[in-house]
């Protein structure tokens, strides 16, 4: 095997140990709206070989939005607020990190 091929193989092996987990935020309100997954994430997961995608609730501050964004929010009938769950986000991130450590040591 040439040096380039060996390096490429090693890089792919190292990268496979670091398959990412993706998260996104967006649903807001109680109950969260919109309640369906708006992102077509399947193609991204396949292309990156990511381990998973997780959607977390977001934060809404109308003062930071443009006209079109405010119109969408008005149509959803949701109130301003911070709907993020820090404990759930931290737990997910810790699990992904632990999985990556296990994969790297295998």
N, C-alpha and C. Protein backbone atom coordinates (compact mmCIF):
# COMPACT_ATOMS: atom_id res chain seq x y z
N UNK A 1 0.85 -1.17 0.00
CA UNK A 1 0.00 0.00 0.00
C UNK A 1 0.89 1.24 0.00
N UNK A 2 0.54 2.24 -0.79
CA UNK A 2 1.33 3.47 -0.83
C UNK A 2 1.11 4.26 0.45
N UNK A 3 1.98 5.22 0.68
CA UNK A 3 1.84 6.05 1.87
C UNK A 3 0.53 6.80 1.90
N UNK A 4 0.12 7.29 0.71
CA UNK A 4 -1.16 8.01 0.62
C UNK A 4 -2.33 7.09 0.97
N UNK A 5 -2.32 5.89 0.41
CA UNK A 5 -3.41 4.95 0.67
C UNK A 5 -3.46 4.57 2.14
N UNK A 6 -2.30 4.36 2.74
CA UNK A 6 -2.24 4.01 4.16
C UNK A 6 -2.78 5.16 5.00
N UNK A 7 -2.36 6.39 4.67
CA UNK A 7 -2.83 7.56 5.43
C UNK A 7 -4.34 7.73 5.28
N UNK A 8 -4.84 7.53 4.07
CA UNK A 8 -6.27 7.67 3.83
C UNK A 8 -7.05 6.63 4.62
N UNK A 9 -6.56 5.40 4.64
CA UNK A 9 -7.22 4.34 5.40
C UNK A 9 -7.22 4.67 6.89
N UNK A 10 -6.10 5.14 7.40
CA UNK A 10 -6.03 5.51 8.83
C UNK A 10 -6.98 6.66 9.15
N UNK A 11 -7.01 7.65 8.24
CA UNK A 11 -7.91 8.79 8.45
C UNK A 11 -9.36 8.33 8.48
N UNK A 12 -9.75 7.47 7.55
CA UNK A 12 -11.13 6.96 7.53
C UNK A 12 -11.44 6.20 8.80
N UNK A 13 -10.48 5.41 9.29
CA UNK A 13 -10.72 4.66 10.53
C UNK A 13 -10.91 5.62 11.69
N UNK A 14 -10.06 6.65 11.77
CA UNK A 14 -10.20 7.62 12.85
C UNK A 14 -11.51 8.39 12.74
N UNK A 15 -11.88 8.78 11.53
CA UNK A 15 -13.13 9.50 11.33
C UNK A 15 -14.33 8.63 11.68
N UNK A 16 -14.24 7.32 11.40
CA UNK A 16 -15.37 6.45 11.73
C UNK A 16 -15.56 6.34 13.23
N UNK A 17 -14.50 6.59 13.99
CA UNK A 17 -14.61 6.59 15.44
C UNK A 17 -15.28 7.86 15.94
N UNK A 18 -15.34 8.87 15.10
CA UNK A 18 -15.88 10.17 15.49
C UNK A 18 -17.18 10.49 14.77
N UNK A 19 -17.97 9.50 14.46
CA UNK A 19 -19.21 9.81 13.78
C UNK A 19 -20.04 10.74 14.64
N UNK A 20 -20.49 11.82 14.07
CA UNK A 20 -21.15 12.84 14.87
C UNK A 20 -22.60 12.50 15.18
N UNK A 21 -23.10 13.19 16.15
CA UNK A 21 -24.53 13.23 16.41
C UNK A 21 -24.96 14.65 16.11
N UNK A 22 -26.04 14.82 15.41
CA UNK A 22 -26.52 16.15 15.08
C UNK A 22 -27.73 16.50 15.92
N UNK A 23 -27.80 17.76 16.28
CA UNK A 23 -28.98 18.23 16.98
C UNK A 23 -29.46 19.51 16.29
N UNK A 24 -30.71 19.79 16.47
CA UNK A 24 -31.26 21.04 15.99
C UNK A 24 -32.31 21.51 16.97
N UNK A 25 -32.64 22.77 16.88
CA UNK A 25 -33.66 23.30 17.78
C UNK A 25 -34.74 23.96 16.93
N UNK A 26 -35.86 24.16 17.52
CA UNK A 26 -36.90 24.81 16.75
C UNK A 26 -38.27 24.77 17.37
N UNK A 27 -38.76 23.61 17.75
CA UNK A 27 -40.11 23.63 18.31
C UNK A 27 -40.16 24.55 19.52
N UNK A 28 -41.22 25.34 19.60
CA UNK A 28 -41.37 26.27 20.72
C UNK A 28 -42.79 26.20 21.23
N UNK A 29 -42.98 26.58 22.47
CA UNK A 29 -44.31 26.61 23.06
C UNK A 29 -44.61 25.37 23.86
N UNK A 30 -45.78 25.37 24.44
CA UNK A 30 -46.23 24.22 25.22
C UNK A 30 -47.70 23.97 24.88
N UNK A 31 -48.01 23.02 24.03
CA UNK A 31 -47.13 21.99 23.46
C UNK A 31 -46.25 22.58 22.36
N UNK A 32 -45.10 21.93 22.09
CA UNK A 32 -44.16 22.44 21.09
C UNK A 32 -44.80 22.51 19.70
N UNK A 33 -44.52 23.63 19.00
CA UNK A 33 -44.99 23.80 17.62
C UNK A 33 -43.83 24.28 16.78
N UNK A 34 -43.66 23.94 15.56
CA UNK A 34 -44.46 22.91 14.89
C UNK A 34 -44.14 21.55 15.49
N UNK A 35 -45.09 20.65 15.43
CA UNK A 35 -44.91 19.35 16.07
C UNK A 35 -44.36 18.29 15.13
N UNK A 36 -44.13 18.64 13.87
CA UNK A 36 -43.52 17.68 12.95
C UNK A 36 -42.09 18.12 12.65
N UNK A 37 -41.25 17.17 12.25
CA UNK A 37 -39.87 17.47 11.92
C UNK A 37 -39.83 18.21 10.60
N UNK A 38 -39.39 19.47 10.63
CA UNK A 38 -39.37 20.29 9.42
C UNK A 38 -38.13 20.04 8.56
N UNK A 39 -37.07 19.58 9.15
CA UNK A 39 -35.83 19.39 8.41
C UNK A 39 -35.80 18.02 7.74
N UNK A 40 -35.35 18.00 6.50
CA UNK A 40 -35.15 16.72 5.81
C UNK A 40 -33.74 16.28 6.15
N UNK A 41 -33.59 15.65 7.28
CA UNK A 41 -32.29 15.33 7.83
C UNK A 41 -31.72 14.01 7.32
N UNK A 42 -32.54 13.16 6.72
CA UNK A 42 -32.08 11.84 6.30
C UNK A 42 -30.88 11.89 5.37
N UNK A 43 -30.89 12.80 4.40
CA UNK A 43 -29.77 12.90 3.46
C UNK A 43 -28.49 13.33 4.18
N UNK A 44 -28.61 14.22 5.13
CA UNK A 44 -27.44 14.67 5.88
C UNK A 44 -26.89 13.54 6.75
N UNK A 45 -27.78 12.80 7.40
CA UNK A 45 -27.34 11.67 8.23
C UNK A 45 -26.61 10.63 7.38
N UNK A 46 -27.14 10.35 6.20
CA UNK A 46 -26.51 9.37 5.32
C UNK A 46 -25.15 9.87 4.83
N UNK A 47 -25.10 11.09 4.38
CA UNK A 47 -23.85 11.64 3.83
C UNK A 47 -22.74 11.72 4.87
N UNK A 48 -23.09 12.03 6.10
CA UNK A 48 -22.08 12.19 7.15
C UNK A 48 -21.88 10.94 7.98
N UNK A 49 -22.73 9.95 7.75
CA UNK A 49 -22.72 8.72 8.55
C UNK A 49 -22.89 9.04 10.04
N UNK A 50 -23.70 10.05 10.29
CA UNK A 50 -23.96 10.47 11.67
C UNK A 50 -24.73 9.39 12.41
N UNK A 51 -24.52 9.34 13.68
CA UNK A 51 -25.17 8.31 14.49
C UNK A 51 -26.63 8.61 14.76
N UNK A 52 -27.01 9.88 14.81
CA UNK A 52 -28.42 10.21 15.07
C UNK A 52 -28.66 11.70 14.92
N UNK A 53 -29.92 12.07 14.93
CA UNK A 53 -30.35 13.46 14.94
C UNK A 53 -31.38 13.62 16.03
N UNK A 54 -31.24 14.65 16.82
CA UNK A 54 -32.17 14.90 17.91
C UNK A 54 -32.65 16.34 17.83
N UNK A 55 -33.93 16.53 17.98
CA UNK A 55 -34.52 17.87 17.95
C UNK A 55 -34.83 18.29 19.38
N UNK A 56 -34.36 19.47 19.75
CA UNK A 56 -34.63 20.03 21.07
C UNK A 56 -35.49 21.27 20.92
N UNK A 57 -36.27 21.54 21.95
CA UNK A 57 -37.08 22.77 21.95
C UNK A 57 -36.17 23.98 21.92
N UNK A 58 -36.69 25.08 21.41
CA UNK A 58 -35.89 26.28 21.25
C UNK A 58 -36.34 27.44 22.11
N UNK A 59 -35.90 28.62 21.72
CA UNK A 59 -36.21 29.87 22.42
C UNK A 59 -36.82 30.83 21.41
N UNK A 60 -37.78 31.59 21.84
CA UNK A 60 -38.41 32.57 20.96
C UNK A 60 -38.36 33.96 21.59
N UNK A 61 -37.77 34.89 20.85
CA UNK A 61 -37.75 36.31 21.23
C UNK A 61 -38.11 37.09 19.98
N UNK A 62 -39.37 37.49 19.88
CA UNK A 62 -39.87 38.16 18.66
C UNK A 62 -39.07 39.41 18.31
N UNK A 63 -38.47 40.05 19.30
CA UNK A 63 -37.71 41.27 19.03
C UNK A 63 -36.48 41.00 18.18
N UNK A 64 -36.06 39.77 18.12
CA UNK A 64 -34.86 39.40 17.34
C UNK A 64 -35.22 38.86 15.96
N UNK A 65 -36.50 38.83 15.62
CA UNK A 65 -36.95 38.24 14.36
C UNK A 65 -37.24 39.31 13.31
N UNK A 66 -37.12 38.89 12.06
CA UNK A 66 -37.51 39.74 10.95
C UNK A 66 -39.01 39.66 10.72
N UNK A 67 -39.50 40.47 9.78
CA UNK A 67 -40.94 40.53 9.52
C UNK A 67 -41.51 39.16 9.14
N UNK A 68 -40.88 38.47 8.19
CA UNK A 68 -41.37 37.16 7.75
C UNK A 68 -41.36 36.14 8.86
N UNK A 69 -40.31 36.16 9.67
CA UNK A 69 -40.23 35.22 10.80
C UNK A 69 -41.33 35.49 11.82
N UNK A 70 -41.60 36.77 12.08
CA UNK A 70 -42.68 37.11 13.02
C UNK A 70 -44.03 36.65 12.49
N UNK A 71 -44.23 36.71 11.18
CA UNK A 71 -45.48 36.25 10.57
C UNK A 71 -45.67 34.75 10.79
N UNK A 72 -44.61 34.00 10.62
CA UNK A 72 -44.69 32.54 10.84
C UNK A 72 -45.01 32.25 12.29
N UNK A 73 -44.35 32.93 13.20
CA UNK A 73 -44.58 32.73 14.63
C UNK A 73 -46.03 33.09 14.98
N UNK A 74 -46.53 34.15 14.41
CA UNK A 74 -47.93 34.54 14.67
C UNK A 74 -48.88 33.44 14.19
N UNK A 75 -48.58 32.84 13.04
CA UNK A 75 -49.44 31.78 12.52
C UNK A 75 -49.41 30.54 13.40
N UNK A 76 -48.31 30.33 14.11
CA UNK A 76 -48.19 29.16 15.00
C UNK A 76 -48.85 29.40 16.36
N UNK A 77 -49.17 30.65 16.66
CA UNK A 77 -49.83 30.99 17.93
C UNK A 77 -49.03 30.52 19.14
N UNK A 78 -47.75 30.90 19.19
CA UNK A 78 -46.91 30.54 20.33
C UNK A 78 -46.41 31.80 21.02
N UNK A 79 -46.18 31.68 22.29
CA UNK A 79 -45.70 32.81 23.09
C UNK A 79 -44.18 32.84 23.12
N UNK A 80 -43.65 34.04 23.36
CA UNK A 80 -42.21 34.16 23.55
C UNK A 80 -41.81 33.36 24.78
N UNK A 81 -40.60 32.90 24.78
CA UNK A 81 -40.08 32.19 25.94
C UNK A 81 -38.90 31.32 25.59
N UNK A 82 -38.28 30.81 26.62
CA UNK A 82 -37.14 29.90 26.46
C UNK A 82 -37.63 28.51 26.83
N UNK A 83 -37.77 27.65 25.85
CA UNK A 83 -38.33 26.32 26.03
C UNK A 83 -37.25 25.24 26.05
N UNK A 84 -35.98 25.68 26.04
CA UNK A 84 -34.87 24.72 26.00
C UNK A 84 -34.77 23.96 27.32
N UNK A 85 -34.39 22.69 27.21
CA UNK A 85 -34.20 21.83 28.38
C UNK A 85 -32.71 21.53 28.49
N UNK A 86 -32.02 22.33 29.27
CA UNK A 86 -30.57 22.20 29.42
C UNK A 86 -30.14 20.83 29.90
N UNK A 87 -30.90 20.24 30.81
CA UNK A 87 -30.54 18.91 31.32
C UNK A 87 -30.62 17.85 30.22
N UNK A 88 -31.65 17.92 29.38
CA UNK A 88 -31.79 16.95 28.28
C UNK A 88 -30.68 17.14 27.26
N UNK A 89 -30.34 18.38 26.98
CA UNK A 89 -29.26 18.66 26.01
C UNK A 89 -27.93 18.16 26.55
N UNK A 90 -27.65 18.44 27.82
CA UNK A 90 -26.40 17.97 28.44
C UNK A 90 -26.32 16.45 28.46
N UNK A 91 -27.42 15.80 28.80
CA UNK A 91 -27.43 14.33 28.87
C UNK A 91 -27.17 13.73 27.49
N UNK A 92 -27.78 14.31 26.45
CA UNK A 92 -27.58 13.82 25.09
C UNK A 92 -26.12 14.00 24.68
N UNK A 93 -25.56 15.18 24.94
CA UNK A 93 -24.16 15.45 24.58
C UNK A 93 -23.21 14.52 25.33
N UNK A 94 -23.48 14.26 26.59
CA UNK A 94 -22.63 13.36 27.37
C UNK A 94 -22.70 11.93 26.84
N UNK A 95 -23.90 11.50 26.42
CA UNK A 95 -24.04 10.15 25.87
C UNK A 95 -23.28 10.02 24.55
N UNK A 96 -23.37 11.03 23.69
CA UNK A 96 -22.64 11.01 22.43
C UNK A 96 -21.13 10.97 22.71
N UNK A 97 -20.65 11.78 23.64
CA UNK A 97 -19.23 11.80 23.98
C UNK A 97 -18.78 10.45 24.52
N UNK A 98 -19.58 9.85 25.39
CA UNK A 98 -19.25 8.53 25.95
C UNK A 98 -19.20 7.47 24.85
N UNK A 99 -20.14 7.51 23.92
CA UNK A 99 -20.14 6.56 22.80
C UNK A 99 -18.89 6.71 21.95
N UNK A 100 -18.46 7.96 21.75
CA UNK A 100 -17.27 8.20 20.94
C UNK A 100 -16.01 7.70 21.63
N UNK A 101 -15.97 7.84 22.95
CA UNK A 101 -14.82 7.35 23.71
C UNK A 101 -14.75 5.81 23.62
N UNK A 102 -15.89 5.18 23.77
CA UNK A 102 -15.93 3.71 23.65
C UNK A 102 -15.49 3.27 22.26
N UNK A 103 -15.97 3.95 21.23
CA UNK A 103 -15.62 3.59 19.85
C UNK A 103 -14.13 3.79 19.61
N UNK A 104 -13.57 4.85 20.17
CA UNK A 104 -12.14 5.14 19.96
C UNK A 104 -11.24 4.13 20.67
N UNK A 105 -11.72 3.58 21.77
CA UNK A 105 -10.89 2.63 22.52
C UNK A 105 -11.04 1.20 22.04
N UNK A 106 -12.01 0.96 21.16
CA UNK A 106 -12.24 -0.40 20.67
C UNK A 106 -11.22 -0.82 19.64
